[in-house]
């Protein structure tokens, strides 16, 4: 899996990088077909913002979150991402189940 973390008007410190990696870990464990992750952390005036795009086969899932505290924004962003990934994973499982059921009836 390719992980890219960048900062816009902010330095991505080793502590910040480690925090993002730790938050990302459970998301990737829920869905093992993640091919790449791109995280952008930025500061605009008083707003701290985090954006993440996760690449999975057939789709890119993009989530962004902002707030007064960057760590809180990162937390909220990964919570949202985790829900999106689980929803996508469920959709994929349902789709494949549907295909097998349709295939079985036809055969």
C-alpha atoms as a PDB file:
ATOM      1  CA  UNK A   1       0.000   0.000   0.000  1.00  0.00           C
ATOM      2  CA  UNK A   2       1.294   3.421  -0.951  1.00  0.00           C
ATOM      3  CA  UNK A   3       0.820   6.106   1.740  1.00  0.00           C
ATOM      4  CA  UNK A   4       1.459   9.763   0.988  1.00  0.00           C
ATOM      5  CA  UNK A   5       1.063  12.433   3.673  1.00  0.00           C
ATOM      6  CA  UNK A   6       1.566  16.063   2.742  1.00  0.00           C
ATOM      7  CA  UNK A   7       1.027  19.409   4.401  1.00  0.00           C
ATOM      8  CA  UNK A   8      -0.285  22.660   2.993  1.00  0.00           C
ATOM      9  CA  UNK A   9       0.924  25.652   5.074  1.00  0.00           C
ATOM     10  CA  UNK A  10       1.863  23.151   7.776  1.00  0.00           C
ATOM     11  CA  UNK A  11       4.877  20.969   8.472  1.00  0.00           C
ATOM     12  CA  UNK A  12       4.053  17.282   8.750  1.00  0.00           C
ATOM     13  CA  UNK A  13       6.035  16.410  11.876  1.00  0.00           C
ATOM     14  CA  UNK A  14       6.999  12.826  12.712  1.00  0.00           C
ATOM     15  CA  UNK A  15       4.408  12.914  15.544  1.00  0.00           C
ATOM     16  CA  UNK A  16       1.683  14.071  13.142  1.00  0.00           C
ATOM     17  CA  UNK A  17       2.703  11.431  10.588  1.00  0.00           C
ATOM     18  CA  UNK A  18       2.594   8.713  13.263  1.00  0.00           C
ATOM     19  CA  UNK A  19      -0.828   9.919  14.457  1.00  0.00           C
ATOM     20  CA  UNK A  20      -2.249   9.704  10.915  1.00  0.00           C
ATOM     21  CA  UNK A  21      -0.700   6.254  10.381  1.00  0.00           C
ATOM     22  CA  UNK A  22      -2.183   4.979  13.656  1.00  0.00           C
ATOM     23  CA  UNK A  23      -5.619   6.316  12.687  1.00  0.00           C
ATOM     24  CA  UNK A  24      -5.351   4.795   9.227  1.00  0.00           C
ATOM     25  CA  UNK A  25      -4.359   1.337  10.480  1.00  0.00           C
ATOM     26  CA  UNK A  26      -7.840   0.122  11.585  1.00  0.00           C
ATOM     27  CA  UNK A  27      -9.410   1.407   8.365  1.00  0.00           C
ATOM     28  CA  UNK A  28      -6.948  -0.582   6.268  1.00  0.00           C
ATOM     29  CA  UNK A  29      -7.496  -3.649   8.482  1.00  0.00           C
ATOM     30  CA  UNK A  30     -11.233  -3.488   7.741  1.00  0.00           C
ATOM     31  CA  UNK A  31     -10.594  -3.562   4.011  1.00  0.00           C
ATOM     32  CA  UNK A  32      -7.380  -5.188   2.825  1.00  0.00           C
ATOM     33  CA  UNK A  33      -7.726  -4.219  -0.838  1.00  0.00           C
ATOM     34  CA  UNK A  34      -6.516  -0.635  -0.323  1.00  0.00           C
ATOM     35  CA  UNK A  35      -3.883   0.167  -2.938  1.00  0.00           C
ATOM     36  CA  UNK A  36      -3.016   3.733  -1.943  1.00  0.00           C
ATOM     37  CA  UNK A  37      -3.792   6.509   0.492  1.00  0.00           C
ATOM     38  CA  UNK A  38      -3.222  10.230   0.036  1.00  0.00           C
ATOM     39  CA  UNK A  39      -3.562  12.492   3.080  1.00  0.00           C
ATOM     40  CA  UNK A  40      -3.364  16.295   2.897  1.00  0.00           C
ATOM     41  CA  UNK A  41      -3.281  18.341   6.087  1.00  0.00           C
ATOM     42  CA  UNK A  42      -3.713  22.081   5.799  1.00  0.00           C
ATOM     43  CA  UNK A  43      -4.202  25.248   7.790  1.00  0.00           C
ATOM     44  CA  UNK A  44      -6.369  28.071   6.454  1.00  0.00           C
ATOM     45  CA  UNK A  45      -6.553  31.058   8.816  1.00  0.00           C
ATOM     46  CA  UNK A  46      -8.149  29.603  11.979  1.00  0.00           C
ATOM     47  CA  UNK A  47      -9.357  26.398  10.350  1.00  0.00           C
ATOM     48  CA  UNK A  48      -7.388  23.160  10.467  1.00  0.00           C
ATOM     49  CA  UNK A  49      -8.317  20.777   7.686  1.00  0.00           C
ATOM     50  CA  UNK A  50      -7.626  17.164   6.832  1.00  0.00           C
ATOM     51  CA  UNK A  51      -8.398  15.434   3.557  1.00  0.00           C
ATOM     52  CA  UNK A  52      -7.889  11.796   2.727  1.00  0.00           C
ATOM     53  CA  UNK A  53      -8.363   9.889  -0.504  1.00  0.00           C
ATOM     54  CA  UNK A  54      -8.197   6.133  -0.290  1.00  0.00           C
ATOM     55  CA  UNK A  55      -7.745   4.107  -3.480  1.00  0.00           C
ATOM     56  CA  UNK A  56      -9.535   0.769  -3.687  1.00  0.00           C
ATOM     57  CA  UNK A  57     -10.192  -1.343  -6.792  1.00  0.00           C
ATOM     58  CA  UNK A  58     -12.792   0.423  -8.901  1.00  0.00           C
ATOM     59  CA  UNK A  59     -13.211   3.482  -6.701  1.00  0.00           C
ATOM     60  CA  UNK A  60     -11.540   6.338  -4.846  1.00  0.00           C
ATOM     61  CA  UNK A  61     -13.101   7.284  -1.507  1.00  0.00           C
ATOM     62  CA  UNK A  62     -12.547  10.916  -0.560  1.00  0.00           C
ATOM     63  CA  UNK A  63     -13.299  12.405   2.855  1.00  0.00           C
ATOM     64  CA  UNK A  64     -12.489  15.786   4.335  1.00  0.00           C
ATOM     65  CA  UNK A  65     -13.011  17.298   7.738  1.00  0.00           C
ATOM     66  CA  UNK A  66     -12.057  20.593   9.340  1.00  0.00           C
ATOM     67  CA  UNK A  67     -12.133  22.191  12.759  1.00  0.00           C
ATOM     68  CA  UNK A  68     -10.298  24.374  15.236  1.00  0.00           C
ATOM     69  CA  UNK A  69      -8.032  21.486  16.295  1.00  0.00           C
ATOM     70  CA  UNK A  70      -6.113  19.470  13.710  1.00  0.00           C
ATOM     71  CA  UNK A  71      -6.036  16.277  15.780  1.00  0.00           C
ATOM     72  CA  UNK A  72      -9.828  16.432  16.305  1.00  0.00           C
ATOM     73  CA  UNK A  73     -10.288  17.010  12.560  1.00  0.00           C
ATOM     74  CA  UNK A  74      -8.073  13.984  11.829  1.00  0.00           C
ATOM     75  CA  UNK A  75     -10.112  11.870  14.282  1.00  0.00           C
ATOM     76  CA  UNK A  76     -13.409  12.895  12.683  1.00  0.00           C
ATOM     77  CA  UNK A  77     -11.991  12.418   9.192  1.00  0.00           C
ATOM     78  CA  UNK A  78     -10.878   8.828   9.864  1.00  0.00           C
ATOM     79  CA  UNK A  79     -14.169   7.983  11.624  1.00  0.00           C
ATOM     80  CA  UNK A  80     -15.992   9.158   8.508  1.00  0.00           C
ATOM     81  CA  UNK A  81     -13.562   7.290   6.242  1.00  0.00           C
ATOM     82  CA  UNK A  82     -14.000   4.084   8.220  1.00  0.00           C
ATOM     83  CA  UNK A  83     -17.794   4.265   7.776  1.00  0.00           C
ATOM     84  CA  UNK A  84     -17.392   4.911   4.024  1.00  0.00           C
ATOM     85  CA  UNK A  85     -14.965   1.996   3.613  1.00  0.00           C
ATOM     86  CA  UNK A  86     -17.249  -0.395   5.504  1.00  0.00           C
ATOM     87  CA  UNK A  87     -20.215   0.763   3.433  1.00  0.00           C
ATOM     88  CA  UNK A  88     -18.231   0.192   0.214  1.00  0.00           C
ATOM     89  CA  UNK A  89     -17.023  -3.210   1.418  1.00  0.00           C
ATOM     90  CA  UNK A  90     -20.620  -4.244   2.266  1.00  0.00           C
ATOM     91  CA  UNK A  91     -21.806  -3.043  -1.138  1.00  0.00           C
ATOM     92  CA  UNK A  92     -19.102  -5.103  -2.843  1.00  0.00           C
ATOM     93  CA  UNK A  93     -20.025  -8.209  -0.829  1.00  0.00           C
ATOM     94  CA  UNK A  94     -23.740  -7.738  -1.585  1.00  0.00           C
ATOM     95  CA  UNK A  95     -22.966  -7.224  -5.280  1.00  0.00           C
ATOM     96  CA  UNK A  96     -20.911 -10.428  -5.446  1.00  0.00           C
ATOM     97  CA  UNK A  97     -23.558 -12.375  -3.533  1.00  0.00           C
ATOM     98  CA  UNK A  98     -26.177 -11.092  -5.977  1.00  0.00           C
ATOM     99  CA  UNK A  99     -24.059 -12.214  -8.927  1.00  0.00           C
ATOM    100  CA  UNK A 100     -23.607 -15.710  -7.494  1.00  0.00           C
ATOM    101  CA  UNK A 101     -27.317 -16.050  -6.719  1.00  0.00           C
ATOM    102  CA  UNK A 102     -28.302 -14.909 -10.231  1.00  0.00           C
ATOM    103  CA  UNK A 103     -25.660 -17.199 -11.727  1.00  0.00           C
ATOM    104  CA  UNK A 104     -26.883 -20.178  -9.715  1.00  0.00           C
ATOM    105  CA  UNK A 105     -30.515 -19.729 -10.800  1.00  0.00           C
ATOM    106  CA  UNK A 106     -29.554 -19.350 -14.456  1.00  0.00           C
ATOM    107  CA  UNK A 107     -27.364 -22.460 -14.405  1.00  0.00           C
END
